[in-house]
Amino acid sequence: MEKQTAVTALVALAHETRLEIFRLLVQAGSSGMPAGAISEQLGVPNATLSFHLQQLKHAELVSAQRKSTQIIYSADYAHMNGLIAYLTENCCQGNAECCATITPCTPESGCAQ
């Protein structure tokens, strides 16, 4: 991951509402959630939610897929894991072996339960 891409993702996550949305989508797993369910669960008005989802999409942290009349939003696990890897690539004073216990998150790994 490039430095600017990481900065864009971190800026997107630096807003409380966007962080809540992203965490909810990570918990939802690969099936994602429709925008209406996100709005309902977090108590965020639709117009505000739309703005925040666009910011998360721009940062490549979420993706959107139209299903019939709904738009389903999902966390982009590959990008999230890339951000985590970027942030930890120099951990332990450059001794990467001690960071080997960091396991990438995937919906299938059970982290989204």
C-alpha atoms as a PDB file:
ATOM      1  CA  MET A   1       0.000   0.000   0.000  1.00  0.00           C
ATOM      2  CA  GLU A   2       1.233   3.472  -0.819  1.00  0.00           C
ATOM      3  CA  LYS A   3       1.565   6.128   1.831  1.00  0.00           C
ATOM      4  CA  GLN A   4      -1.089   8.389   0.259  1.00  0.00           C
ATOM      5  CA  THR A   5      -3.585   5.509   0.073  1.00  0.00           C
ATOM      6  CA  ALA A   6      -3.028   4.809   3.767  1.00  0.00           C
ATOM      7  CA  VAL A   7      -3.484   8.496   4.598  1.00  0.00           C
ATOM      8  CA  THR A   8      -6.764   8.612   2.649  1.00  0.00           C
ATOM      9  CA  ALA A   9      -8.060   5.546   4.507  1.00  0.00           C
ATOM     10  CA  LEU A  10      -7.022   6.915   7.891  1.00  0.00           C
ATOM     11  CA  VAL A  11      -8.645  10.284   7.169  1.00  0.00           C
ATOM     12  CA  ALA A  12     -11.877   8.496   6.268  1.00  0.00           C
ATOM     13  CA  LEU A  13     -11.786   6.460   9.477  1.00  0.00           C
ATOM     14  CA  ALA A  14     -10.934   9.512  11.600  1.00  0.00           C
ATOM     15  CA  HIS A  15     -14.604  10.553  11.641  1.00  0.00           C
ATOM     16  CA  GLU A  16     -16.675   8.926  14.384  1.00  0.00           C
ATOM     17  CA  THR A  17     -19.681   8.115  12.183  1.00  0.00           C
ATOM     18  CA  ARG A  18     -17.550   6.658   9.372  1.00  0.00           C
ATOM     19  CA  LEU A  19     -15.650   4.539  11.872  1.00  0.00           C
ATOM     20  CA  GLU A  20     -18.957   3.216  13.255  1.00  0.00           C
ATOM     21  CA  ILE A  21     -20.193   2.444   9.732  1.00  0.00           C
ATOM     22  CA  PHE A  22     -16.982   0.657   8.820  1.00  0.00           C
ATOM     23  CA  ARG A  23     -16.958  -1.404  12.032  1.00  0.00           C
ATOM     24  CA  LEU A  24     -20.597  -2.386  11.438  1.00  0.00           C
ATOM     25  CA  LEU A  25     -19.792  -3.511   7.884  1.00  0.00           C
ATOM     26  CA  VAL A  26     -16.787  -5.527   9.073  1.00  0.00           C
ATOM     27  CA  GLN A  27     -19.084  -7.266  11.547  1.00  0.00           C
ATOM     28  CA  ALA A  28     -21.668  -7.888   8.809  1.00  0.00           C
ATOM     29  CA  GLY A  29     -19.172 -10.004   6.867  1.00  0.00           C
ATOM     30  CA  SER A  30     -19.065 -10.542   3.128  1.00  0.00           C
ATOM     31  CA  SER A  31     -22.848 -10.371   2.752  1.00  0.00           C
ATOM     32  CA  GLY A  32     -22.717  -6.693   3.681  1.00  0.00           C
ATOM     33  CA  MET A  33     -25.706  -4.568   4.586  1.00  0.00           C
ATOM     34  CA  PRO A  34     -28.219  -2.452   2.714  1.00  0.00           C
ATOM     35  CA  ALA A  35     -27.923   1.281   3.268  1.00  0.00           C
ATOM     36  CA  GLY A  36     -31.328   1.387   4.968  1.00  0.00           C
ATOM     37  CA  ALA A  37     -30.279  -1.185   7.569  1.00  0.00           C
ATOM     38  CA  ILE A  38     -27.068   0.732   8.277  1.00  0.00           C
ATOM     39  CA  SER A  39     -29.059   3.945   8.708  1.00  0.00           C
ATOM     40  CA  GLU A  40     -31.555   2.251  10.990  1.00  0.00           C
ATOM     41  CA  GLN A  41     -28.993   0.469  13.142  1.00  0.00           C
ATOM     42  CA  LEU A  42     -26.771   3.520  13.647  1.00  0.00           C
ATOM     43  CA  GLY A  43     -29.498   6.150  13.679  1.00  0.00           C
ATOM     44  CA  VAL A  44     -27.856   8.118  10.871  1.00  0.00           C
ATOM     45  CA  PRO A  45     -30.132  10.037   8.459  1.00  0.00           C
ATOM     46  CA  ASN A  46     -30.030   8.733   4.870  1.00  0.00           C
ATOM     47  CA  ALA A  47     -28.471  11.886   3.392  1.00  0.00           C
ATOM     48  CA  THR A  48     -25.734  11.910   6.036  1.00  0.00           C
ATOM     49  CA  LEU A  49     -25.155   8.186   5.617  1.00  0.00           C
ATOM     50  CA  SER A  50     -24.821   8.573   1.855  1.00  0.00           C
ATOM     51  CA  PHE A  51     -22.111  11.212   2.324  1.00  0.00           C
ATOM     52  CA  HIS A  52     -20.158   9.046   4.762  1.00  0.00           C
ATOM     53  CA  LEU A  53     -20.461   5.921   2.597  1.00  0.00           C
ATOM     54  CA  GLN A  54     -19.099   7.882  -0.373  1.00  0.00           C
ATOM     55  CA  GLN A  55     -16.081   8.907   1.717  1.00  0.00           C
ATOM     56  CA  LEU A  56     -15.469   5.281   2.710  1.00  0.00           C
ATOM     57  CA  LYS A  57     -15.833   4.175  -0.923  1.00  0.00           C
ATOM     58  CA  HIS A  58     -13.374   6.861  -2.035  1.00  0.00           C
ATOM     59  CA  ALA A  59     -10.918   5.507   0.546  1.00  0.00           C
ATOM     60  CA  GLU A  60     -11.529   1.999  -0.879  1.00  0.00           C
ATOM     61  CA  LEU A  61     -12.630   0.723   2.528  1.00  0.00           C
ATOM     62  CA  VAL A  62     -16.110  -0.274   1.362  1.00  0.00           C
ATOM     63  CA  SER A  63     -17.657  -1.422  -1.873  1.00  0.00           C
ATOM     64  CA  ALA A  64     -21.234  -1.109  -3.101  1.00  0.00           C
ATOM     65  CA  GLN A  65     -23.299  -3.517  -5.144  1.00  0.00           C
ATOM     66  CA  ARG A  66     -26.822  -2.942  -6.413  1.00  0.00           C
ATOM     67  CA  LYS A  67     -29.266  -5.770  -5.698  1.00  0.00           C
ATOM     68  CA  SER A  68     -32.697  -5.022  -7.097  1.00  0.00           C
ATOM     69  CA  THR A  69     -33.757  -1.730  -5.491  1.00  0.00           C
ATOM     70  CA  GLN A  70     -31.148  -1.799  -2.716  1.00  0.00           C
ATOM     71  CA  ILE A  71     -27.485  -0.931  -2.574  1.00  0.00           C
ATOM     72  CA  ILE A  72     -25.537  -3.383  -0.445  1.00  0.00           C
ATOM     73  CA  TYR A  73     -22.374  -2.068   1.178  1.00  0.00           C
ATOM     74  CA  SER A  74     -19.545  -4.363   2.257  1.00  0.00           C
ATOM     75  CA  ALA A  75     -16.214  -3.835   3.955  1.00  0.00           C
ATOM     76  CA  ASP A  76     -13.222  -4.263   1.654  1.00  0.00           C
ATOM     77  CA  TYR A  77     -11.222  -6.752   3.714  1.00  0.00           C
ATOM     78  CA  ALA A  78      -8.243  -6.756   1.350  1.00  0.00           C
ATOM     79  CA  HIS A  79      -7.851  -2.995   1.639  1.00  0.00           C
ATOM     80  CA  MET A  80      -8.398  -3.090   5.404  1.00  0.00           C
ATOM     81  CA  ASN A  81      -5.735  -5.775   5.789  1.00  0.00           C
ATOM     82  CA  GLY A  82      -3.418  -3.791   3.514  1.00  0.00           C
ATOM     83  CA  LEU A  83      -3.837  -0.775   5.776  1.00  0.00           C
ATOM     84  CA  ILE A  84      -3.134  -2.854   8.878  1.00  0.00           C
ATOM     85  CA  ALA A  85      -0.067  -4.358   7.192  1.00  0.00           C
ATOM     86  CA  TYR A  86       1.162  -0.894   6.187  1.00  0.00           C
ATOM     87  CA  LEU A  87       0.764   0.353   9.754  1.00  0.00           C
ATOM     88  CA  THR A  88       2.568  -2.623  11.258  1.00  0.00           C
ATOM     89  CA  GLU A  89       5.238  -3.357   8.642  1.00  0.00           C
ATOM     90  CA  ASN A  90       7.918  -1.759  10.774  1.00  0.00           C
ATOM     91  CA  CYS A  91       6.666  -2.958  14.130  1.00  0.00           C
ATOM     92  CA  CYS A  92       8.956  -4.367  16.798  1.00  0.00           C
ATOM     93  CA  GLN A  93      11.784  -2.110  15.664  1.00  0.00           C
ATOM     94  CA  GLY A  94      11.900  -3.799  12.263  1.00  0.00           C
ATOM     95  CA  ASN A  95      11.847  -7.353  13.632  1.00  0.00           C
ATOM     96  CA  ALA A  96       8.905  -8.625  11.590  1.00  0.00           C
ATOM     97  CA  GLU A  97       9.013 -12.098  13.141  1.00  0.00           C
ATOM     98  CA  CYS A  98       7.458 -10.840  16.371  1.00  0.00           C
ATOM     99  CA  CYS A  99       4.515  -9.466  14.381  1.00  0.00           C
ATOM    100  CA  ALA A 100       3.907 -12.738  12.557  1.00  0.00           C
ATOM    101  CA  THR A 101       0.964 -13.461  14.841  1.00  0.00           C
ATOM    102  CA  ILE A 102      -1.133 -10.784  13.120  1.00  0.00           C
ATOM    103  CA  THR A 103      -3.638 -12.749  11.054  1.00  0.00           C
ATOM    104  CA  PRO A 104      -5.454 -11.016   8.186  1.00  0.00           C
ATOM    105  CA  CYS A 105      -9.167 -10.631   8.764  1.00  0.00           C
ATOM    106  CA  THR A 106     -11.606 -12.257   6.383  1.00  0.00           C
ATOM    107  CA  PRO A 107     -15.326 -12.913   6.740  1.00  0.00           C
ATOM    108  CA  GLU A 108     -14.557 -16.632   6.524  1.00  0.00           C
ATOM    109  CA  SER A 109     -12.016 -16.519   9.364  1.00  0.00           C
ATOM    110  CA  GLY A 110     -14.740 -15.895  11.883  1.00  0.00           C
ATOM    111  CA  CYS A 111     -13.561 -12.419  12.852  1.00  0.00           C
ATOM    112  CA  ALA A 112     -16.829 -10.961  11.604  1.00  0.00           C
ATOM    113  CA  GLN A 113     -19.028 -12.894  14.015  1.00  0.00           C
END
